[in-house]
PDB file of N, CA and C in Angstrom:
ATOM      1  N   MET A   1      -7.153  31.184  10.210  1.00  0.00           N
ATOM      2  CA  MET A   1      -7.143  29.831   9.675  1.00  0.00           C
ATOM      3  C   MET A   1      -6.828  29.852   8.176  1.00  0.00           C
ATOM      4  N   THR A   2      -7.359  30.819   7.470  1.00  0.00           N
ATOM      5  CA  THR A   2      -7.088  30.938   6.043  1.00  0.00           C
ATOM      6  C   THR A   2      -5.602  31.137   5.789  1.00  0.00           C
ATOM      7  N   LYS A   3      -4.978  31.921   6.644  1.00  0.00           N
ATOM      8  CA  LYS A   3      -3.541  32.171   6.507  1.00  0.00           C
ATOM      9  C   LYS A   3      -2.750  30.874   6.686  1.00  0.00           C
ATOM     10  N   PHE A   4      -3.191  30.051   7.634  1.00  0.00           N
ATOM     11  CA  PHE A   4      -2.527  28.766   7.861  1.00  0.00           C
ATOM     12  C   PHE A   4      -2.611  27.894   6.611  1.00  0.00           C
ATOM     13  N   PHE A   5      -3.805  27.781   6.020  1.00  0.00           N
ATOM     14  CA  PHE A   5      -3.981  26.925   4.839  1.00  0.00           C
ATOM     15  C   PHE A   5      -3.307  27.495   3.606  1.00  0.00           C
ATOM     16  N   ALA A   6      -3.069  28.808   3.564  1.00  0.00           N
ATOM     17  CA  ALA A   6      -2.381  29.420   2.424  1.00  0.00           C
ATOM     18  C   ALA A   6      -0.884  29.142   2.463  1.00  0.00           C
ATOM     19  N   GLN A   7      -0.330  28.863   3.635  1.00  0.00           N
ATOM     20  CA  GLN A   7       1.070  28.505   3.812  1.00  0.00           C
ATOM     21  C   GLN A   7       2.026  29.534   3.198  1.00  0.00           C
ATOM     22  N   GLY A   8       1.712  30.803   3.370  1.00  0.00           N
ATOM     23  CA  GLY A   8       2.600  31.862   2.906  1.00  0.00           C
ATOM     24  C   GLY A   8       2.790  31.893   1.399  1.00  0.00           C
ATOM     25  N   GLY A   9       1.798  31.476   0.663  1.00  0.00           N
ATOM     26  CA  GLY A   9       1.887  31.474  -0.793  1.00  0.00           C
ATOM     27  C   GLY A   9       2.379  30.157  -1.374  1.00  0.00           C
ATOM     28  N   TYR A  10       2.758  29.233  -0.530  1.00  0.00           N
ATOM     29  CA  TYR A  10       3.274  27.952  -1.003  1.00  0.00           C
ATOM     30  C   TYR A  10       2.292  26.809  -0.767  1.00  0.00           C
ATOM     31  N   ALA A  11       1.038  27.137  -0.622  1.00  0.00           N
ATOM     32  CA  ALA A  11       0.025  26.132  -0.287  1.00  0.00           C
ATOM     33  C   ALA A  11      -0.027  24.997  -1.310  1.00  0.00           C
ATOM     34  N   PHE A  12       0.060  25.333  -2.583  1.00  0.00           N
ATOM     35  CA  PHE A  12      -0.006  24.306  -3.626  1.00  0.00           C
ATOM     36  C   PHE A  12       1.100  23.272  -3.431  1.00  0.00           C
ATOM     37  N   PHE A  13       2.313  23.724  -3.158  1.00  0.00           N
ATOM     38  CA  PHE A  13       3.442  22.810  -2.993  1.00  0.00           C
ATOM     39  C   PHE A  13       3.377  22.048  -1.676  1.00  0.00           C
ATOM     40  N   VAL A  14       2.991  22.746  -0.603  1.00  0.00           N
ATOM     41  CA  VAL A  14       2.913  22.101   0.707  1.00  0.00           C
ATOM     42  C   VAL A  14       1.825  21.040   0.719  1.00  0.00           C
ATOM     43  N   TRP A  15       0.610  21.414   0.322  1.00  0.00           N
ATOM     44  CA  TRP A  15      -0.494  20.453   0.349  1.00  0.00           C
ATOM     45  C   TRP A  15      -0.343  19.401  -0.749  1.00  0.00           C
ATOM     46  N   GLY A  16       0.299  19.770  -1.840  1.00  0.00           N
ATOM     47  CA  GLY A  16       0.598  18.785  -2.881  1.00  0.00           C
ATOM     48  C   GLY A  16       1.554  17.706  -2.373  1.00  0.00           C
ATOM     49  N   ALA A  17       2.547  18.137  -1.576  1.00  0.00           N
ATOM     50  CA  ALA A  17       3.496  17.180  -1.003  1.00  0.00           C
ATOM     51  C   ALA A  17       2.781  16.237  -0.027  1.00  0.00           C
ATOM     52  N   TYR A  18       1.908  16.793   0.800  1.00  0.00           N
ATOM     53  CA  TYR A  18       1.134  15.938   1.716  1.00  0.00           C
ATOM     54  C   TYR A  18       0.262  14.960   0.923  1.00  0.00           C
ATOM     55  N   GLY A  19      -0.339  15.437  -0.133  1.00  0.00           N
ATOM     56  CA  GLY A  19      -1.175  14.575  -0.963  1.00  0.00           C
ATOM     57  C   GLY A  19      -0.379  13.456  -1.607  1.00  0.00           C
ATOM     58  N   MET A  20       0.808  13.777  -2.107  1.00  0.00           N
ATOM     59  CA  MET A  20       1.645  12.754  -2.736  1.00  0.00           C
ATOM     60  C   MET A  20       2.093  11.705  -1.716  1.00  0.00           C
ATOM     61  N   VAL A  21       2.452  12.138  -0.517  1.00  0.00           N
ATOM     62  CA  VAL A  21       2.855  11.190   0.527  1.00  0.00           C
ATOM     63  C   VAL A  21       1.686  10.271   0.866  1.00  0.00           C
ATOM     64  N   ALA A  22       0.504  10.831   1.007  1.00  0.00           N
ATOM     65  CA  ALA A  22      -0.674  10.014   1.309  1.00  0.00           C
ATOM     66  C   ALA A  22      -0.932   9.010   0.185  1.00  0.00           C
ATOM     67  N   LEU A  23      -0.782   9.452  -1.058  1.00  0.00           N
ATOM     68  CA  LEU A  23      -0.994   8.580  -2.210  1.00  0.00           C
ATOM     69  C   LEU A  23       0.026   7.444  -2.237  1.00  0.00           C
ATOM     70  N   VAL A  24       1.284   7.761  -1.980  1.00  0.00           N
ATOM     71  CA  VAL A  24       2.333   6.740  -1.986  1.00  0.00           C
ATOM     72  C   VAL A  24       2.126   5.752  -0.840  1.00  0.00           C
ATOM     73  N   LEU A  25       1.738   6.236   0.330  1.00  0.00           N
ATOM     74  CA  LEU A  25       1.471   5.329   1.446  1.00  0.00           C
ATOM     75  C   LEU A  25       0.298   4.401   1.146  1.00  0.00           C
ATOM     76  N   LEU A  26      -0.737   4.928   0.534  1.00  0.00           N
ATOM     77  CA  LEU A  26      -1.879   4.099   0.158  1.00  0.00           C
ATOM     78  C   LEU A  26      -1.466   3.050  -0.869  1.00  0.00           C
ATOM     79  N   ALA A  27      -0.675   3.450  -1.861  1.00  0.00           N
ATOM     80  CA  ALA A  27      -0.201   2.504  -2.876  1.00  0.00           C
ATOM     81  C   ALA A  27       0.652   1.413  -2.234  1.00  0.00           C
ATOM     82  N   GLU A  28       1.488   1.778  -1.277  1.00  0.00           N
ATOM     83  CA  GLU A  28       2.328   0.803  -0.572  1.00  0.00           C
ATOM     84  C   GLU A  28       1.469  -0.206   0.179  1.00  0.00           C
ATOM     85  N   ILE A  29       0.456   0.266   0.873  1.00  0.00           N
ATOM     86  CA  ILE A  29      -0.435  -0.623   1.625  1.00  0.00           C
ATOM     87  C   ILE A  29      -1.152  -1.582   0.682  1.00  0.00           C
ATOM     88  N   LEU A  30      -1.672  -1.063  -0.425  1.00  0.00           N
ATOM     89  CA  LEU A  30      -2.376  -1.922  -1.377  1.00  0.00           C
ATOM     90  C   LEU A  30      -1.445  -2.949  -2.007  1.00  0.00           C
ATOM     91  N   GLN A  31      -0.217  -2.533  -2.314  1.00  0.00           N
ATOM     92  CA  GLN A  31       0.751  -3.454  -2.907  1.00  0.00           C
ATOM     93  C   GLN A  31       1.133  -4.548  -1.914  1.00  0.00           C
ATOM     94  N   LEU A  32       1.328  -4.195  -0.659  1.00  0.00           N
ATOM     95  CA  LEU A  32       1.674  -5.189   0.354  1.00  0.00           C
ATOM     96  C   LEU A  32       0.535  -6.180   0.581  1.00  0.00           C
ATOM     97  N   ARG A  33      -0.700  -5.694   0.556  1.00  0.00           N
ATOM     98  CA  ARG A  33      -1.843  -6.597   0.726  1.00  0.00           C
ATOM     99  C   ARG A  33      -1.936  -7.577  -0.440  1.00  0.00           C
ATOM    100  N   ALA A  34      -1.704  -7.091  -1.657  1.00  0.00           N
ATOM    101  CA  ALA A  34      -1.736  -7.968  -2.831  1.00  0.00           C
ATOM    102  C   ALA A  34      -0.613  -8.997  -2.757  1.00  0.00           C
ATOM    103  N   GLN A  35       0.560  -8.562  -2.329  1.00  0.00           N
ATOM    104  CA  GLN A  35       1.683  -9.479  -2.193  1.00  0.00           C
ATOM    105  C   GLN A  35       1.400 -10.538  -1.125  1.00  0.00           C
ATOM    106  N   GLN A  36       0.764 -10.145  -0.044  1.00  0.00           N
ATOM    107  CA  GLN A  36       0.420 -11.094   1.016  1.00  0.00           C
ATOM    108  C   GLN A  36      -0.556 -12.149   0.494  1.00  0.00           C
ATOM    109  N   ARG A  37      -1.568 -11.712  -0.271  1.00  0.00           N
ATOM    110  CA  ARG A  37      -2.526 -12.669  -0.840  1.00  0.00           C
ATOM    111  C   ARG A  37      -1.826 -13.660  -1.764  1.00  0.00           C
ATOM    112  N   THR A  38      -0.882 -13.164  -2.568  1.00  0.00           N
ATOM    113  CA  THR A  38      -0.151 -14.032  -3.482  1.00  0.00           C
ATOM    114  C   THR A  38       0.666 -15.061  -2.716  1.00  0.00           C
ATOM    115  N   ILE A  39       1.361 -14.617  -1.688  1.00  0.00           N
ATOM    116  CA  ILE A  39       2.186 -15.526  -0.882  1.00  0.00           C
ATOM    117  C   ILE A  39       1.316 -16.576  -0.200  1.00  0.00           C
ATOM    118  N   LEU A  40       0.192 -16.155   0.371  1.00  0.00           N
ATOM    119  CA  LEU A  40      -0.691 -17.110   1.044  1.00  0.00           C
ATOM    120  C   LEU A  40      -1.275 -18.113   0.058  1.00  0.00           C
ATOM    121  N   ALA A  41      -1.609 -17.666  -1.146  1.00  0.00           N
ATOM    122  CA  ALA A  41      -2.130 -18.586  -2.163  1.00  0.00           C
ATOM    123  C   ALA A  41      -1.059 -19.601  -2.559  1.00  0.00           C
ATOM    124  N   ARG A  42       0.174 -19.144  -2.725  1.00  0.00           N
ATOM    125  CA  ARG A  42       1.262 -20.061  -3.080  1.00  0.00           C
ATOM    126  C   ARG A  42       1.507 -21.074  -1.971  1.00  0.00           C
ATOM    127  N   LEU A  43       1.469 -20.618  -0.727  1.00  0.00           N
ATOM    128  CA  LEU A  43       1.644 -21.540   0.387  1.00  0.00           C
ATOM    129  C   LEU A  43       0.521 -22.568   0.439  1.00  0.00           C
ATOM    130  N   GLY A  44      -0.693 -22.127   0.177  1.00  0.00           N
ATOM    131  CA  GLY A  44      -1.820 -23.053   0.152  1.00  0.00           C
ATOM    132  C   GLY A  44      -1.655 -24.120  -0.914  1.00  0.00           C
ATOM    133  N   ARG A  45      -1.220 -23.711  -2.107  1.00  0.00           N
ATOM    134  CA  ARG A  45      -0.982 -24.684  -3.180  1.00  0.00           C
ATOM    135  C   ARG A  45       0.135 -25.646  -2.811  1.00  0.00           C
ATOM    136  N   LEU A  46       1.190 -25.134  -2.180  1.00  0.00           N
ATOM    137  CA  LEU A  46       2.308 -25.983  -1.778  1.00  0.00           C
ATOM    138  C   LEU A  46       1.863 -27.013  -0.746  1.00  0.00           C
ATOM    139  N   ILE A  47       1.059 -26.593   0.200  1.00  0.00           N
ATOM    140  CA  ILE A  47       0.561 -27.510   1.228  1.00  0.00           C
ATOM    141  C   ILE A  47      -0.317 -28.586   0.597  1.00  0.00           C
ATOM    142  N   ARG A  48      -1.185 -28.174  -0.341  1.00  0.00           N
ATOM    143  CA  ARG A  48      -2.047 -29.160  -1.013  1.00  0.00           C
ATOM    144  C   ARG A  48      -1.216 -30.149  -1.828  1.00  0.00           C
ATOM    145  N   LEU A  49      -0.195 -29.654  -2.526  1.00  0.00           N
ATOM    146  CA  LEU A  49       0.646 -30.537  -3.329  1.00  0.00           C
ATOM    147  C   LEU A  49       1.405 -31.528  -2.448  1.00  0.00           C
ATOM    148  N   ARG A  50       1.910 -31.064  -1.343  1.00  0.00           N
ATOM    149  CA  ARG A  50       2.630 -31.964  -0.431  1.00  0.00           C
ATOM    150  C   ARG A  50       1.685 -33.000   0.172  1.00  0.00           C
ATOM    151  N   GLY A  51       0.448 -32.592   0.432  1.00  0.00           N
ATOM    152  CA  GLY A  51      -0.546 -33.525   0.967  1.00  0.00           C
ATOM    153  C   GLY A  51      -0.884 -34.602  -0.040  1.00  0.00           C
ATOM    154  N   GLU A  52      -0.987 -34.236  -1.306  1.00  0.00           N
ATOM    155  CA  GLU A  52      -1.278 -35.208  -2.361  1.00  0.00           C
ATOM    156  C   GLU A  52      -0.094 -36.132  -2.574  1.00  0.00           C
ATOM    157  N   HIS A  53       1.105 -35.602  -2.453  1.00  0.00           N
ATOM    158  CA  HIS A  53       2.318 -36.389  -2.670  1.00  0.00           C
ATOM    159  C   HIS A  53       2.500 -37.446  -1.594  1.00  0.00           C
ATOM    160  N   ASP A  54       2.096 -37.130  -0.361  1.00  0.00           N
ATOM    161  CA  ASP A  54       2.261 -38.057   0.759  1.00  0.00           C
ATOM    162  C   ASP A  54       1.305 -39.257   0.677  1.00  0.00           C
ATOM    163  N   GLN A  55       0.222 -39.130  -0.053  1.00  0.00           N
ATOM    164  CA  GLN A  55      -0.772 -40.215  -0.090  1.00  0.00           C
ATOM    165  C   GLN A  55      -0.434 -41.271  -1.062  1.00  0.00           C
TER     166      GLN A  55
END
């Protein structure tokens, strides 16, 4: 098992690459969630404004 995790001497680069991919995927998910909240808030304001305009 130790040999597997050592990756033939390239463990730092191999596991570093996996770590960077995980970090980028997490950042993407967080950014998309923030963007979704912004879009939903804008839609809510638009709906409220249209409701006020109709009255």
